[in-house]
Amino acid sequence: MNLDDLEPRKVKPAPRDLGILSVAELNDYIAELEAEIARARAAIDAKQSHKNAAEALFKRP
């Protein structure tokens, strides 16, 4: 067994220090996060659509 297999594959980035950001920078940061959330939701929708199509294809009558 390789010890590298025991390490987590993805390390979460440290939270951003919001105290040093201005109000405008915080608004920009929120807009970036909302855009990323929308992108993730679109990916979820696409994957769910593919899953539903595959399930419908292999569903027995």
N, C-alpha and C. Protein backbone atom coordinates (compact mmCIF):
# COMPACT_ATOMS: atom_id res chain seq x y z
N MET A 1 0.84 -1.17 0.00
CA MET A 1 0.00 0.00 0.00
C MET A 1 0.89 1.24 0.00
N ASN A 2 0.53 2.19 -0.82
CA ASN A 2 1.27 3.44 -0.92
C ASN A 2 0.69 4.44 0.08
N LEU A 3 1.54 5.08 0.84
CA LEU A 3 1.08 6.05 1.84
C LEU A 3 0.41 7.26 1.20
N ASP A 4 0.74 7.55 -0.06
CA ASP A 4 0.09 8.66 -0.75
C ASP A 4 -1.39 8.40 -0.95
N ASP A 5 -1.80 7.14 -0.98
CA ASP A 5 -3.21 6.80 -1.14
C ASP A 5 -4.04 7.22 0.08
N LEU A 6 -3.39 7.39 1.21
CA LEU A 6 -4.09 7.77 2.43
C LEU A 6 -4.31 9.27 2.54
N GLU A 7 -3.59 10.04 1.77
CA GLU A 7 -3.72 11.49 1.80
C GLU A 7 -4.98 11.92 1.05
N PRO A 8 -5.64 12.97 1.51
CA PRO A 8 -6.81 13.46 0.78
C PRO A 8 -6.40 13.96 -0.60
N ARG A 9 -7.23 13.70 -1.58
CA ARG A 9 -6.90 14.08 -2.95
C ARG A 9 -7.05 15.57 -3.19
N LYS A 10 -8.05 16.17 -2.57
CA LYS A 10 -8.27 17.59 -2.75
C LYS A 10 -8.22 18.28 -1.40
N VAL A 11 -7.46 19.34 -1.35
CA VAL A 11 -7.37 20.12 -0.14
C VAL A 11 -8.19 21.39 -0.36
N LYS A 12 -9.09 21.67 0.56
CA LYS A 12 -9.91 22.88 0.43
C LYS A 12 -9.02 24.10 0.64
N PRO A 13 -9.21 25.11 -0.21
CA PRO A 13 -8.42 26.32 -0.01
C PRO A 13 -8.84 27.03 1.27
N ALA A 14 -7.91 27.75 1.85
CA ALA A 14 -8.21 28.50 3.06
C ALA A 14 -9.21 29.60 2.73
N PRO A 15 -10.13 29.88 3.64
CA PRO A 15 -11.09 30.97 3.39
C PRO A 15 -10.36 32.30 3.21
N ARG A 16 -10.92 33.11 2.34
CA ARG A 16 -10.33 34.42 2.09
C ARG A 16 -10.51 35.33 3.30
N ASP A 17 -9.52 36.16 3.54
CA ASP A 17 -9.61 37.13 4.63
C ASP A 17 -10.48 38.29 4.13
N LEU A 18 -11.71 38.33 4.59
CA LEU A 18 -12.64 39.34 4.13
C LEU A 18 -12.41 40.70 4.80
N GLY A 19 -11.69 40.70 5.89
CA GLY A 19 -11.44 41.94 6.62
C GLY A 19 -10.60 42.95 5.85
N ILE A 20 -9.81 42.48 4.92
CA ILE A 20 -8.93 43.40 4.19
C ILE A 20 -9.57 43.93 2.91
N LEU A 21 -10.76 43.42 2.57
CA LEU A 21 -11.41 43.82 1.33
C LEU A 21 -12.33 45.01 1.55
N SER A 22 -12.40 45.88 0.55
CA SER A 22 -13.32 47.01 0.61
C SER A 22 -14.73 46.53 0.27
N VAL A 23 -15.69 47.40 0.44
CA VAL A 23 -17.08 47.05 0.13
C VAL A 23 -17.21 46.70 -1.36
N ALA A 24 -16.57 47.46 -2.21
CA ALA A 24 -16.63 47.17 -3.65
C ALA A 24 -15.99 45.82 -3.96
N GLU A 25 -14.87 45.54 -3.32
CA GLU A 25 -14.20 44.25 -3.54
C GLU A 25 -15.05 43.10 -3.01
N LEU A 26 -15.73 43.32 -1.89
CA LEU A 26 -16.62 42.29 -1.37
C LEU A 26 -17.79 42.03 -2.33
N ASN A 27 -18.33 43.10 -2.91
CA ASN A 27 -19.41 42.94 -3.89
C ASN A 27 -18.92 42.18 -5.12
N ASP A 28 -17.71 42.48 -5.57
CA ASP A 28 -17.12 41.75 -6.70
C ASP A 28 -16.91 40.28 -6.35
N TYR A 29 -16.46 40.04 -5.13
CA TYR A 29 -16.23 38.67 -4.66
C TYR A 29 -17.54 37.89 -4.63
N ILE A 30 -18.59 38.51 -4.14
CA ILE A 30 -19.90 37.87 -4.11
C ILE A 30 -20.37 37.56 -5.53
N ALA A 31 -20.17 38.49 -6.45
CA ALA A 31 -20.57 38.26 -7.85
C ALA A 31 -19.80 37.08 -8.44
N GLU A 32 -18.52 36.97 -8.13
CA GLU A 32 -17.72 35.84 -8.61
C GLU A 32 -18.24 34.53 -8.03
N LEU A 33 -18.56 34.54 -6.75
CA LEU A 33 -19.09 33.32 -6.11
C LEU A 33 -20.44 32.93 -6.70
N GLU A 34 -21.31 33.91 -6.93
CA GLU A 34 -22.62 33.63 -7.52
C GLU A 34 -22.48 33.07 -8.93
N ALA A 35 -21.51 33.58 -9.69
CA ALA A 35 -21.26 33.06 -11.04
C ALA A 35 -20.78 31.61 -10.96
N GLU A 36 -19.94 31.31 -9.99
CA GLU A 36 -19.44 29.94 -9.83
C GLU A 36 -20.56 29.00 -9.39
N ILE A 37 -21.44 29.49 -8.53
CA ILE A 37 -22.59 28.69 -8.11
C ILE A 37 -23.48 28.38 -9.31
N ALA A 38 -23.73 29.38 -10.14
CA ALA A 38 -24.55 29.17 -11.35
C ALA A 38 -23.89 28.16 -12.27
N ARG A 39 -22.59 28.22 -12.41
CA ARG A 39 -21.86 27.27 -13.26
C ARG A 39 -21.98 25.85 -12.70
N ALA A 40 -21.86 25.71 -11.38
CA ALA A 40 -21.99 24.40 -10.75
C ALA A 40 -23.41 23.86 -10.90
N ARG A 41 -24.41 24.72 -10.75
CA ARG A 41 -25.81 24.28 -10.92
C ARG A 41 -26.07 23.85 -12.36
N ALA A 42 -25.49 24.53 -13.32
CA ALA A 42 -25.64 24.15 -14.72
C ALA A 42 -25.01 22.78 -14.97
N ALA A 43 -23.86 22.52 -14.36
CA ALA A 43 -23.21 21.22 -14.51
C ALA A 43 -24.05 20.12 -13.88
N ILE A 44 -24.65 20.42 -12.72
CA ILE A 44 -25.53 19.45 -12.07
C ILE A 44 -26.72 19.15 -12.96
N ASP A 45 -27.33 20.18 -13.52
CA ASP A 45 -28.49 19.98 -14.41
C ASP A 45 -28.13 19.13 -15.62
N ALA A 46 -26.96 19.39 -16.22
CA ALA A 46 -26.53 18.62 -17.38
C ALA A 46 -26.29 17.16 -17.01
N LYS A 47 -25.66 16.92 -15.88
CA LYS A 47 -25.40 15.55 -15.45
C LYS A 47 -26.70 14.82 -15.11
N GLN A 48 -27.63 15.54 -14.47
CA GLN A 48 -28.91 14.94 -14.14
C GLN A 48 -29.68 14.59 -15.41
N SER A 49 -29.60 15.47 -16.40
CA SER A 49 -30.26 15.22 -17.67
C SER A 49 -29.69 13.97 -18.35
N HIS A 50 -28.37 13.84 -18.35
CA HIS A 50 -27.74 12.65 -18.94
C HIS A 50 -28.13 11.39 -18.18
N LYS A 51 -28.17 11.49 -16.87
CA LYS A 51 -28.55 10.35 -16.04
C LYS A 51 -29.99 9.93 -16.34
N ASN A 52 -30.89 10.92 -16.41
CA ASN A 52 -32.29 10.62 -16.70
C ASN A 52 -32.46 9.99 -18.08
N ALA A 53 -31.70 10.48 -19.06
CA ALA A 53 -31.77 9.92 -20.41
C ALA A 53 -31.27 8.48 -20.42
N ALA A 54 -30.20 8.20 -19.70
CA ALA A 54 -29.67 6.84 -19.64
C ALA A 54 -30.65 5.92 -18.93
N GLU A 55 -31.25 6.39 -17.85
CA GLU A 55 -32.23 5.58 -17.14
C GLU A 55 -33.44 5.29 -18.02
N ALA A 56 -33.87 6.27 -18.80
CA ALA A 56 -35.02 6.07 -19.68
C ALA A 56 -34.68 5.08 -20.79
N LEU A 57 -33.43 5.12 -21.26
CA LEU A 57 -33.01 4.24 -22.33
C LEU A 57 -32.99 2.79 -21.87
N PHE A 58 -32.54 2.56 -20.66
CA PHE A 58 -32.40 1.19 -20.17
C PHE A 58 -33.58 0.72 -19.32
N LYS A 59 -34.60 1.56 -19.23
CA LYS A 59 -35.78 1.18 -18.46
C LYS A 59 -36.55 0.12 -19.21
N ARG A 60 -36.93 -0.90 -18.51
CA ARG A 60 -37.67 -2.00 -19.13
C ARG A 60 -39.16 -1.67 -19.14
N PRO A 61 -39.81 -1.93 -20.26
CA PRO A 61 -41.26 -1.63 -20.34
C PRO A 61 -42.09 -2.56 -19.49
